Amino acid sequence: MSDVGGTYDFSISTPMGEQTGTFTVIPSADGTSFTGSLSGGMGSMDVQDGRIDGQVLSWTMQMTSPMPMKLDGEATVDGDSVAGKIKAGFMGSMPFTATRQG
């Protein structure tokens, strides 16, 4: 079972500029799914439908500000680093990176 759980400092490039905050990954007991949240300057969003496939995380979130929108995330964990993208409807795909705290 992979060790993808933890709290990560993230950075994402958005049409409104770079956003930073924390990404929390809490794996299920069997290591196939996860819960957590993405918290930053734009507020906090809970992870929905979090799935773990080896080192790959995939999830959705519901953004409410500045406009309601479903976000689709996919990222790969490599040691203490995470890299991937978050798709935000008509705004397209935004690069996402994160580093495990501690």
C-alpha atoms as a PDB file:
ATOM      1  CA  MET A   1       0.000   0.000   0.000  1.00  0.00           C
ATOM      2  CA  SER A   2       1.378   3.397  -0.933  1.00  0.00           C
ATOM      3  CA  ASP A   3       1.924   6.168   1.577  1.00  0.00           C
ATOM      4  CA  VAL A   4       0.116   9.104  -0.044  1.00  0.00           C
ATOM      5  CA  GLY A   5      -1.549  10.438   3.107  1.00  0.00           C
ATOM      6  CA  GLY A   6      -0.556  13.696   4.712  1.00  0.00           C
ATOM      7  CA  THR A   7      -0.834  17.450   4.586  1.00  0.00           C
ATOM      8  CA  TYR A   8       0.759  19.161   1.613  1.00  0.00           C
ATOM      9  CA  ASP A   9       1.546  22.808   0.834  1.00  0.00           C
ATOM     10  CA  PHE A  10       0.110  23.379  -2.648  1.00  0.00           C
ATOM     11  CA  SER A  11       0.427  25.912  -5.426  1.00  0.00           C
ATOM     12  CA  ILE A  12      -1.868  26.150  -8.427  1.00  0.00           C
ATOM     13  CA  SER A  13      -1.756  28.510 -11.394  1.00  0.00           C
ATOM     14  CA  THR A  14      -5.249  29.889 -12.047  1.00  0.00           C
ATOM     15  CA  PRO A  15      -6.677  32.562 -14.359  1.00  0.00           C
ATOM     16  CA  MET A  16      -6.802  34.742 -11.204  1.00  0.00           C
ATOM     17  CA  GLY A  17      -3.105  34.188 -10.493  1.00  0.00           C
ATOM     18  CA  GLU A  18      -1.215  31.746  -8.341  1.00  0.00           C
ATOM     19  CA  GLN A  19      -3.179  30.321  -5.386  1.00  0.00           C
ATOM     20  CA  THR A  20      -1.538  28.573  -2.442  1.00  0.00           C
ATOM     21  CA  GLY A  21      -2.730  26.701   0.630  1.00  0.00           C
ATOM     22  CA  THR A  22      -2.904  23.197   2.051  1.00  0.00           C
ATOM     23  CA  PHE A  23      -4.105  19.928   0.507  1.00  0.00           C
ATOM     24  CA  THR A  24      -5.008  17.212   3.039  1.00  0.00           C
ATOM     25  CA  VAL A  25      -5.117  13.540   1.987  1.00  0.00           C
ATOM     26  CA  ILE A  26      -6.633  11.019   4.437  1.00  0.00           C
ATOM     27  CA  PRO A  27      -6.492   7.492   2.923  1.00  0.00           C
ATOM     28  CA  SER A  28      -9.152   4.899   3.720  1.00  0.00           C
ATOM     29  CA  ALA A  29      -8.164   1.805   5.708  1.00  0.00           C
ATOM     30  CA  ASP A  30      -7.835  -0.270   2.518  1.00  0.00           C
ATOM     31  CA  GLY A  31      -5.873   2.450   0.697  1.00  0.00           C
ATOM     32  CA  THR A  32      -8.155   2.633  -2.346  1.00  0.00           C
ATOM     33  CA  SER A  33      -9.915   5.907  -1.567  1.00  0.00           C
ATOM     34  CA  PHE A  34      -9.345   9.113   0.375  1.00  0.00           C
ATOM     35  CA  THR A  35     -11.041  12.091   1.938  1.00  0.00           C
ATOM     36  CA  GLY A  36      -9.539  15.467   2.683  1.00  0.00           C
ATOM     37  CA  SER A  37      -9.707  19.083   1.661  1.00  0.00           C
ATOM     38  CA  LEU A  38      -8.061  21.883  -0.275  1.00  0.00           C
ATOM     39  CA  SER A  39      -7.835  25.083   1.783  1.00  0.00           C
ATOM     40  CA  GLY A  40      -6.424  28.432   0.778  1.00  0.00           C
ATOM     41  CA  GLY A  41      -7.140  32.055   0.051  1.00  0.00           C
ATOM     42  CA  MET A  42     -10.301  31.151  -1.867  1.00  0.00           C
ATOM     43  CA  GLY A  43     -11.730  29.194   1.082  1.00  0.00           C
ATOM     44  CA  SER A  44     -11.931  25.466   1.686  1.00  0.00           C
ATOM     45  CA  MET A  45     -13.304  22.671  -0.512  1.00  0.00           C
ATOM     46  CA  ASP A  46     -13.850  19.076   0.581  1.00  0.00           C
ATOM     47  CA  VAL A  47     -12.525  16.227  -1.551  1.00  0.00           C
ATOM     48  CA  GLN A  48     -15.327  14.139  -3.084  1.00  0.00           C
ATOM     49  CA  ASP A  49     -14.970  10.730  -4.737  1.00  0.00           C
ATOM     50  CA  GLY A  50     -11.270  10.570  -3.793  1.00  0.00           C
ATOM     51  CA  ARG A  51      -9.594   7.535  -5.366  1.00  0.00           C
ATOM     52  CA  ILE A  52      -6.082   6.112  -4.961  1.00  0.00           C
ATOM     53  CA  ASP A  53      -4.538   3.978  -7.712  1.00  0.00           C
ATOM     54  CA  GLY A  54      -0.959   3.237  -6.655  1.00  0.00           C
ATOM     55  CA  GLN A  55       0.637   6.690  -6.490  1.00  0.00           C
ATOM     56  CA  VAL A  56      -2.125   8.415  -8.503  1.00  0.00           C
ATOM     57  CA  LEU A  57      -4.829  10.429  -6.749  1.00  0.00           C
ATOM     58  CA  SER A  58      -8.058  11.469  -8.477  1.00  0.00           C
ATOM     59  CA  TRP A  59     -10.917  13.460  -6.973  1.00  0.00           C
ATOM     60  CA  THR A  60     -13.631  16.059  -7.510  1.00  0.00           C
ATOM     61  CA  MET A  61     -14.481  19.198  -5.549  1.00  0.00           C
ATOM     62  CA  GLN A  62     -17.288  21.749  -5.668  1.00  0.00           C
ATOM     63  CA  MET A  63     -16.039  25.332  -5.912  1.00  0.00           C
ATOM     64  CA  THR A  64     -18.509  27.975  -4.736  1.00  0.00           C
ATOM     65  CA  SER A  65     -16.416  31.161  -5.013  1.00  0.00           C
ATOM     66  CA  PRO A  66     -15.983  33.171  -7.176  1.00  0.00           C
ATOM     67  CA  MET A  67     -18.512  31.017  -9.088  1.00  0.00           C
ATOM     68  CA  PRO A  68     -20.067  27.565  -8.603  1.00  0.00           C
ATOM     69  CA  MET A  69     -18.104  24.969 -10.564  1.00  0.00           C
ATOM     70  CA  LYS A  70     -17.153  21.292 -10.353  1.00  0.00           C
ATOM     71  CA  LEU A  71     -13.395  20.726 -10.303  1.00  0.00           C
ATOM     72  CA  ASP A  72     -11.720  17.477 -11.380  1.00  0.00           C
ATOM     73  CA  GLY A  73      -8.270  16.773  -9.941  1.00  0.00           C
ATOM     74  CA  GLU A  74      -5.645  14.208 -10.795  1.00  0.00           C
ATOM     75  CA  ALA A  75      -2.123  14.109  -9.406  1.00  0.00           C
ATOM     76  CA  THR A  76       0.768  11.721  -8.893  1.00  0.00           C
ATOM     77  CA  VAL A  77       2.560  11.422  -5.559  1.00  0.00           C
ATOM     78  CA  ASP A  78       6.339  10.927  -5.829  1.00  0.00           C
ATOM     79  CA  GLY A  79       7.834  10.708  -2.328  1.00  0.00           C
ATOM     80  CA  ASP A  80       6.976  14.036  -0.697  1.00  0.00           C
ATOM     81  CA  SER A  81       6.044  15.771  -3.964  1.00  0.00           C
ATOM     82  CA  VAL A  82       2.757  15.884  -5.833  1.00  0.00           C
ATOM     83  CA  ALA A  83       2.241  17.057  -9.420  1.00  0.00           C
ATOM     84  CA  GLY A  84      -0.885  17.080 -11.527  1.00  0.00           C
ATOM     85  CA  LYS A  85      -3.711  19.227 -12.762  1.00  0.00           C
ATOM     86  CA  ILE A  86      -7.147  20.417 -11.805  1.00  0.00           C
ATOM     87  CA  LYS A  87      -9.722  20.846 -14.558  1.00  0.00           C
ATOM     88  CA  ALA A  88     -12.087  23.742 -13.957  1.00  0.00           C
ATOM     89  CA  GLY A  89     -14.838  23.621 -16.563  1.00  0.00           C
ATOM     90  CA  PHE A  90     -14.549  26.366 -19.175  1.00  0.00           C
ATOM     91  CA  MET A  91     -11.393  27.734 -17.473  1.00  0.00           C
ATOM     92  CA  GLY A  92      -9.510  24.649 -18.625  1.00  0.00           C
ATOM     93  CA  SER A  93      -6.780  22.705 -16.896  1.00  0.00           C
ATOM     94  CA  MET A  94      -4.583  24.323 -14.236  1.00  0.00           C
ATOM     95  CA  PRO A  95      -1.190  22.901 -13.152  1.00  0.00           C
ATOM     96  CA  PHE A  96      -1.066  21.788  -9.511  1.00  0.00           C
ATOM     97  CA  THR A  97       2.026  21.041  -7.401  1.00  0.00           C
ATOM     98  CA  ALA A  98       2.388  20.279  -3.707  1.00  0.00           C
ATOM     99  CA  THR A  99       5.023  19.318  -1.138  1.00  0.00           C
ATOM    100  CA  ARG A 100       4.361  17.215   1.973  1.00  0.00           C
ATOM    101  CA  GLN A 101       4.710  19.129   5.234  1.00  0.00           C
ATOM    102  CA  GLY A 102       7.064  17.970   7.974  1.00  0.00           C
END
